[in-house]
């Protein structure tokens, strides 16, 4: 007889599924941006020293992330439904518990709408800032216009006919990593070449060539440096998409779970005083220390968990009480809700 999955297992499966679908939607958006980019207009704008005109030719706007937001909404809806499906069919008095998650509830819709708007605004603004930084650095180096444009949108892979690499889709910080790596590989400076070999997201297939350049005190051949940078950009983009997938799916699932219990309480079928929650650490070696310390902590429904850093959270991924990115990014912890039907069912 198959065992009923625990609440934690259900949400781990949902995170796996929607983490991938949100990431895939992000990658598709970047492909869309590459395809729509008017490269010749970018080249002309760069040659004229007009960065804003170059940005306009890239057509970066919120609409390109529409499917990403759709995937987040699906995660939110399923997360809410899963929370209530875990409740018993009947309460202690024998009456049926009929509580459905309403993703169209004004509070649920308001949170999702505001969160989606802020997310896309951040992505678009950061993307524009990264491109400005790239173009500004290209101008300072005196790069030719075509190279500057392709450093943004990527170069066409003859095997696939699609553009790949470039900094389109990367964060401002990642654009800086690419720029630094390019500088490290562009000359015969051994210190720079050695530093490149410490980059975690580099493609190690080029390590032997870089190490050879260090030993021989020569510059890396330009064609090898270009391939190494292209691979580095692709790996950073993969990291960016996977991070967005995990963070946004996890945020949607955790907020939906809490919203589902808020709706259950508002229905009058469950008393708020009957609901307790417990913090469940993800339980693997990379869990941040503050969340390891929270593991197993129990609280009333509206009582926040308090991290050893001082951050207050109603549940993992909650920033409503001021918790910062250090408590949020790549968190895989869970919040386990339990209802004492015997003592508090209304």
Protein backbone atom coordinates (compact mmCIF):
# COMPACT_ATOMS: atom_id res chain seq x y z
CA UNK A 1 0.00 0.00 0.00
CA UNK A 2 1.42 3.37 -1.06
CA UNK A 3 2.26 5.75 1.75
CA UNK A 4 0.62 9.16 1.75
CA UNK A 5 3.32 11.79 1.12
CA UNK A 6 4.01 14.18 3.97
CA UNK A 7 3.28 17.89 3.65
CA UNK A 8 7.01 18.48 3.34
CA UNK A 9 7.36 15.93 0.52
CA UNK A 10 4.44 17.49 -1.35
CA UNK A 11 6.03 20.93 -1.22
CA UNK A 12 9.47 19.59 -2.13
CA UNK A 13 7.92 18.07 -5.26
CA UNK A 14 6.12 21.32 -6.07
CA UNK A 15 9.35 23.27 -5.63
CA UNK A 16 11.17 20.90 -7.96
CA UNK A 17 8.48 21.19 -10.61
CA UNK A 18 7.89 24.92 -10.49
CA UNK A 19 11.50 25.81 -9.84
CA UNK A 20 12.23 24.26 -13.24
CA UNK A 21 9.23 25.75 -15.02
CA UNK A 22 9.97 29.27 -13.75
CA UNK A 23 13.64 28.91 -14.73
CA UNK A 24 12.66 27.62 -18.18
CA UNK A 25 10.34 30.61 -18.62
CA UNK A 26 13.22 32.93 -17.74
CA UNK A 27 15.52 31.27 -20.28
CA UNK A 28 12.79 31.53 -22.92
CA UNK A 29 12.43 35.24 -22.16
CA UNK A 30 16.17 35.76 -22.67
CA UNK A 31 15.99 33.88 -25.99
CA UNK A 32 13.08 36.14 -26.97
CA UNK A 33 15.15 39.23 -26.14
CA UNK A 34 18.08 37.95 -28.20
CA UNK A 35 15.84 37.22 -31.17
CA UNK A 36 14.11 40.61 -31.01
CA UNK A 37 17.27 42.66 -30.51
CA UNK A 38 17.99 45.01 -33.42
CA UNK A 39 21.72 44.46 -33.50
CA UNK A 40 22.43 46.97 -36.27
CA UNK A 41 20.58 49.68 -34.33
CA UNK A 42 22.60 48.80 -31.21
CA UNK A 43 25.81 49.08 -33.25
CA UNK A 44 24.78 52.45 -34.69
CA UNK A 45 23.72 53.81 -31.31
CA UNK A 46 26.98 52.69 -29.73
CA UNK A 47 28.98 54.29 -32.52
CA UNK A 48 27.10 57.54 -31.85
CA UNK A 49 27.81 57.26 -28.12
CA UNK A 50 24.07 56.96 -27.34
CA UNK A 51 23.63 54.24 -24.71
CA UNK A 52 19.92 54.91 -24.20
CA UNK A 53 19.26 54.47 -27.92
CA UNK A 54 21.15 51.17 -27.79
CA UNK A 55 18.96 50.07 -24.89
CA UNK A 56 15.82 51.00 -26.82
CA UNK A 57 16.95 48.76 -29.69
CA UNK A 58 17.06 45.79 -27.31
CA UNK A 59 13.33 46.04 -26.51
CA UNK A 60 13.60 45.04 -22.85
CA UNK A 61 10.21 45.39 -21.20
CA UNK A 62 8.00 43.66 -18.65
CA UNK A 63 5.89 41.85 -21.26
CA UNK A 64 8.72 39.49 -22.18
CA UNK A 65 8.47 37.95 -18.69
CA UNK A 66 4.75 37.17 -18.98
CA UNK A 67 5.15 33.38 -19.00
CA UNK A 68 7.50 33.57 -16.02
CA UNK A 69 4.76 35.33 -14.06
CA UNK A 70 2.21 32.75 -15.25
CA UNK A 71 4.38 29.96 -13.85
CA UNK A 72 4.68 31.77 -10.52
CA UNK A 73 0.90 32.15 -10.41
CA UNK A 74 0.47 28.42 -11.08
CA UNK A 75 2.89 27.61 -8.27
CA UNK A 76 0.95 29.93 -5.96
CA UNK A 77 -2.39 28.31 -6.80
CA UNK A 78 -1.09 24.76 -6.39
CA UNK A 79 0.72 25.67 -3.19
CA UNK A 80 -2.49 26.95 -1.64
CA UNK A 81 -4.52 23.96 -2.73
CA UNK A 82 -1.92 21.51 -1.44
CA UNK A 83 -2.00 23.11 2.01
CA UNK A 84 -5.73 22.54 2.42
CA UNK A 85 -5.76 19.12 0.79
CA UNK A 86 -3.56 17.98 3.67
CA UNK A 87 -6.33 18.65 6.21
CA UNK A 88 -8.56 15.78 7.41
CA UNK A 89 -11.88 15.33 5.65
CA UNK A 90 -13.73 15.80 8.95
CA UNK A 91 -13.18 17.65 12.17
CA UNK A 92 -13.38 16.28 15.70
CA UNK A 93 -17.15 16.79 15.81
CA UNK A 94 -17.64 14.69 12.68
CA UNK A 95 -18.67 17.59 10.47
CA UNK A 96 -17.15 17.69 7.01
CA UNK A 97 -14.35 20.19 6.48
CA UNK A 98 -14.91 21.84 3.10
CA UNK A 99 -12.26 24.53 2.67
CA UNK A 100 -11.06 25.45 -0.80
CA UNK A 101 -8.15 27.69 -1.64
CA UNK A 102 -9.32 30.76 -3.51
CA UNK A 103 -6.51 32.21 -5.60
CA UNK A 104 -8.95 34.98 -6.62
CA UNK A 105 -9.47 36.04 -3.04
CA UNK A 106 -8.71 39.81 -2.87
CA UNK A 107 -5.87 39.36 -0.38
CA UNK A 108 -4.34 36.53 -2.44
CA UNK A 109 -4.67 38.43 -5.70
CA UNK A 110 -3.28 41.60 -4.17
CA UNK A 111 -0.17 39.87 -2.85
CA UNK A 112 0.48 38.07 -6.14
CA UNK A 113 -0.12 41.17 -8.25
CA UNK A 114 2.16 43.36 -6.14
CA UNK A 115 4.85 40.72 -5.89
CA UNK A 116 4.83 40.08 -9.64
CA UNK A 117 5.03 43.79 -10.44
CA UNK A 118 7.96 44.33 -8.08
CA UNK A 119 9.78 41.24 -9.37
CA UNK A 120 9.57 42.24 -13.04
CA UNK A 121 10.48 45.84 -12.23
CA UNK A 122 13.62 44.60 -10.46
CA UNK A 123 14.59 42.23 -13.27
CA UNK A 124 14.10 44.84 -16.01
CA UNK A 125 15.89 47.60 -14.07
CA UNK A 126 18.84 45.36 -13.22
CA UNK A 127 19.05 44.15 -16.81
CA UNK A 128 19.19 47.71 -18.10
CA UNK A 129 21.84 48.64 -15.54
CA UNK A 130 23.97 45.65 -16.57
CA UNK A 131 23.78 46.67 -20.23
CA UNK A 132 24.66 50.28 -19.44
CA UNK A 133 27.69 49.06 -17.49
CA UNK A 134 28.77 46.79 -20.35
CA UNK A 135 28.44 49.52 -22.99
CA UNK A 136 30.17 52.09 -20.80
CA UNK A 137 33.11 49.71 -20.24
CA UNK A 138 33.26 48.92 -23.97
CA UNK A 139 33.44 52.62 -24.78
CA UNK A 140 36.20 53.12 -22.22
CA UNK A 141 38.22 50.28 -23.79
CA UNK A 142 37.61 51.59 -27.28
CA UNK A 143 35.92 48.40 -28.47
CA UNK A 144 34.56 48.44 -31.98
CA UNK A 145 30.74 48.81 -32.17
CA UNK A 146 30.04 45.31 -33.43
CA UNK A 147 32.02 43.65 -30.66
CA UNK A 148 30.31 45.83 -28.04
CA UNK A 149 26.87 44.85 -29.36
CA UNK A 150 27.69 41.13 -29.55
CA UNK A 151 29.13 41.22 -26.03
CA UNK A 152 25.55 42.00 -25.01
CA UNK A 153 23.33 39.88 -27.25
CA UNK A 154 25.74 37.00 -27.77
CA UNK A 155 27.13 35.41 -30.90
CA UNK A 156 25.41 33.00 -33.25
CA UNK A 157 26.34 29.37 -32.75
CA UNK A 158 26.74 27.92 -36.27
CA UNK A 159 25.54 24.52 -35.08
CA UNK A 160 22.22 25.80 -33.70
CA UNK A 161 21.72 29.07 -35.55
CA UNK A 162 20.91 30.70 -32.21
CA UNK A 163 22.71 33.37 -30.24
CA UNK A 164 24.38 32.31 -27.03
CA UNK A 165 26.62 33.96 -24.48
CA UNK A 166 26.62 37.70 -23.99
CA UNK A 167 25.50 39.46 -20.83
CA UNK A 168 21.81 39.68 -21.77
CA UNK A 169 19.90 38.14 -18.86
CA UNK A 170 22.73 38.51 -16.34
CA UNK A 171 22.59 40.68 -13.25
CA UNK A 172 24.66 43.82 -12.86
CA UNK A 173 26.99 41.92 -10.52
CA UNK A 174 27.37 39.08 -13.03
CA UNK A 175 28.13 41.54 -15.82
CA UNK A 176 30.97 42.77 -13.62
CA UNK A 177 32.24 39.21 -13.20
CA UNK A 178 32.29 38.75 -16.97
CA UNK A 179 34.10 42.05 -17.49
CA UNK A 180 36.74 41.13 -14.90
CA UNK A 181 37.18 37.66 -16.38
CA UNK A 182 37.60 39.16 -19.84
CA UNK A 183 40.31 41.47 -18.53
CA UNK A 184 42.04 38.53 -16.84
CA UNK A 185 42.16 36.54 -20.08
CA UNK A 186 43.08 39.41 -22.38
CA UNK A 187 46.77 39.71 -21.51
CA UNK A 188 49.83 37.86 -20.30
CA UNK A 189 49.51 38.95 -16.67
CA UNK A 190 50.01 35.79 -14.63
CA UNK A 191 48.14 37.17 -11.63
CA UNK A 192 45.04 37.81 -13.71
CA UNK A 193 45.19 34.43 -15.41
CA UNK A 194 45.56 32.67 -12.06
CA UNK A 195 42.61 34.60 -10.68
CA UNK A 196 40.48 33.42 -13.60
CA UNK A 197 41.25 29.87 -12.52
CA UNK A 198 39.56 30.55 -9.15
CA UNK A 199 36.19 31.44 -10.73
CA UNK A 200 33.67 28.82 -9.70
CA UNK A 201 31.50 29.16 -12.82
CA UNK A 202 34.31 28.96 -15.35
CA UNK A 203 34.35 26.14 -17.90
CA UNK A 204 37.21 23.94 -16.72
CA UNK A 205 37.83 22.62 -20.20
CA UNK A 206 39.90 25.76 -20.80
CA UNK A 207 41.97 25.43 -17.63
CA UNK A 208 44.88 23.64 -19.32
CA UNK A 209 45.23 26.41 -21.90
CA UNK A 210 45.14 29.08 -19.20
CA UNK A 211 47.65 27.21 -17.04
CA UNK A 212 49.93 26.83 -20.08
CA UNK A 213 49.80 30.61 -20.67
CA UNK A 214 50.76 31.15 -17.01
CA UNK A 215 53.71 28.77 -17.25
CA UNK A 216 54.96 30.22 -20.49
CA UNK A 217 54.24 33.82 -19.45
CA UNK A 218 52.32 34.44 -22.67
CA UNK A 219 48.86 35.71 -23.50
CA UNK A 220 46.04 33.24 -24.03
CA UNK A 221 45.19 32.92 -27.75
CA UNK A 222 42.29 35.33 -28.45
CA UNK A 223 40.05 32.62 -29.94
CA UNK A 224 40.44 30.48 -26.80
CA UNK A 225 39.83 33.49 -24.52
CA UNK A 226 36.65 34.30 -26.47
CA UNK A 227 35.37 30.72 -26.14
CA UNK A 228 36.17 30.68 -22.42
CA UNK A 229 34.27 33.92 -21.85
CA UNK A 230 31.30 32.70 -23.90
CA UNK A 231 31.15 29.55 -21.76
CA UNK A 232 31.47 31.59 -18.58
CA UNK A 233 28.56 33.81 -19.65
CA UNK A 234 26.41 30.78 -20.43
CA UNK A 235 27.14 29.24 -17.05
CA UNK A 236 26.34 32.48 -15.24
CA UNK A 237 23.06 32.71 -17.14
CA UNK A 238 22.26 29.13 -16.11
CA UNK A 239 22.93 30.09 -12.49
CA UNK A 240 20.77 33.21 -12.84
CA UNK A 241 17.83 31.26 -14.23
CA UNK A 242 18.09 28.47 -11.67
CA UNK A 243 18.28 30.99 -8.84
CA UNK A 244 15.21 32.84 -10.11
CA UNK A 245 13.40 29.53 -10.50
CA UNK A 246 14.11 28.34 -6.94
CA UNK A 247 13.59 31.68 -5.21
CA UNK A 248 10.40 32.69 -6.99
CA UNK A 249 8.78 29.26 -6.87
CA UNK A 250 9.68 28.88 -3.20
CA UNK A 251 8.35 32.34 -2.41
CA UNK A 252 5.05 31.64 -4.17
CA UNK A 253 4.62 28.25 -2.47
CA UNK A 254 5.38 29.48 1.06
CA UNK A 255 3.16 32.54 0.77
CA UNK A 256 0.33 30.48 -0.72
CA UNK A 257 0.54 27.97 2.11
CA UNK A 258 0.13 30.69 4.70
CA UNK A 259 -2.63 32.38 2.69
CA UNK A 260 -4.49 29.06 2.52
CA UNK A 261 -4.56 28.79 6.32
CA UNK A 262 -5.62 32.44 6.58
CA UNK A 263 -8.57 31.58 4.33
CA UNK A 264 -9.34 28.48 6.40
CA UNK A 265 -9.40 30.61 9.56
CA UNK A 266 -11.53 33.27 7.87
CA UNK A 267 -14.05 30.59 6.85
CA UNK A 268 -14.81 29.98 10.53
CA UNK A 269 -14.15 26.25 10.26
CA UNK A 270 -10.77 26.48 11.99
CA UNK A 271 -9.86 28.72 14.91
CA UNK A 272 -6.64 30.71 14.66
CA UNK A 273 -5.68 29.53 18.13
CA UNK A 274 -5.81 25.93 16.85
CA UNK A 275 -3.09 26.47 14.24
CA UNK A 276 0.58 26.15 15.08
CA UNK A 277 3.56 26.13 12.77
CA UNK A 278 7.10 24.75 12.89
CA UNK A 279 10.21 25.72 10.97
CA UNK A 280 11.75 22.81 9.07
CA UNK A 281 15.32 23.25 7.87
CA UNK A 282 16.12 21.78 4.46
CA UNK A 283 18.50 19.45 6.28
CA UNK A 284 21.54 19.44 4.03
CA UNK A 285 25.05 20.83 4.42
CA UNK A 286 24.53 24.17 2.66
CA UNK A 287 21.71 25.41 4.91
CA UNK A 288 22.58 28.83 6.33
CA UNK A 289 23.48 28.74 10.02
CA UNK A 290 20.59 30.98 11.06
CA UNK A 291 18.09 28.52 9.59
CA UNK A 292 19.79 25.50 11.13
CA UNK A 293 19.24 27.23 14.46
CA UNK A 294 15.55 27.74 13.64
CA UNK A 295 14.93 24.08 12.78
CA UNK A 296 12.15 22.66 14.92
CA UNK A 297 11.11 26.02 16.39
CA UNK A 298 7.35 26.18 16.93
CA UNK A 299 5.11 29.26 16.99
CA UNK A 300 1.48 30.31 16.99
CA UNK A 301 0.02 31.11 13.57
CA UNK A 302 0.62 34.86 13.77
CA UNK A 303 3.78 34.68 15.87
CA UNK A 304 6.97 35.30 13.84
CA UNK A 305 10.03 33.11 13.89
CA UNK A 306 13.08 35.07 15.03
CA UNK A 307 16.42 34.25 13.40
CA UNK A 308 19.66 34.45 15.36
CA UNK A 309 20.45 37.39 13.06
CA UNK A 310 17.44 39.21 14.53
CA UNK A 311 15.35 38.83 11.38
CA UNK A 312 11.64 38.17 11.93
CA UNK A 313 9.71 35.95 9.51
CA UNK A 314 6.24 34.44 9.52
CA UNK A 315 7.62 31.61 7.36
CA UNK A 316 10.57 30.92 5.04
CA UNK A 317 10.83 33.50 2.21
CA UNK A 318 8.85 36.10 4.20
CA UNK A 319 10.14 39.66 3.94
CA UNK A 320 7.01 41.38 5.27
CA UNK A 321 8.64 41.92 8.69
CA UNK A 322 11.92 43.24 7.32
CA UNK A 323 14.00 40.09 6.68
CA UNK A 324 16.63 40.77 4.02
CA UNK A 325 18.10 38.83 1.12
CA UNK A 326 20.60 37.07 3.41
CA UNK A 327 17.67 35.13 4.93
CA UNK A 328 15.89 34.52 1.62
CA UNK A 329 18.09 33.75 -1.38
CA UNK A 330 18.25 30.01 -2.15
CA UNK A 331 16.42 29.07 1.05
CA UNK A 332 14.83 25.62 0.85
CA UNK A 333 13.36 25.47 4.36
CA UNK A 334 9.69 24.74 4.92
CA UNK A 335 6.97 25.77 7.34
CA UNK A 336 4.91 22.90 8.70
CA UNK A 337 1.38 23.87 9.80
CA UNK A 338 -0.61 21.75 12.22
CA UNK A 339 -4.19 22.12 13.51
CA UNK A 340 -5.34 20.88 16.94
CA UNK A 341 -8.87 19.89 15.91
CA UNK A 342 -9.77 18.18 19.16
CA UNK A 343 -9.11 21.22 21.33
CA UNK A 344 -9.97 24.15 19.11
CA UNK A 345 -12.22 23.21 16.19
CA UNK A 346 -14.99 25.82 16.05
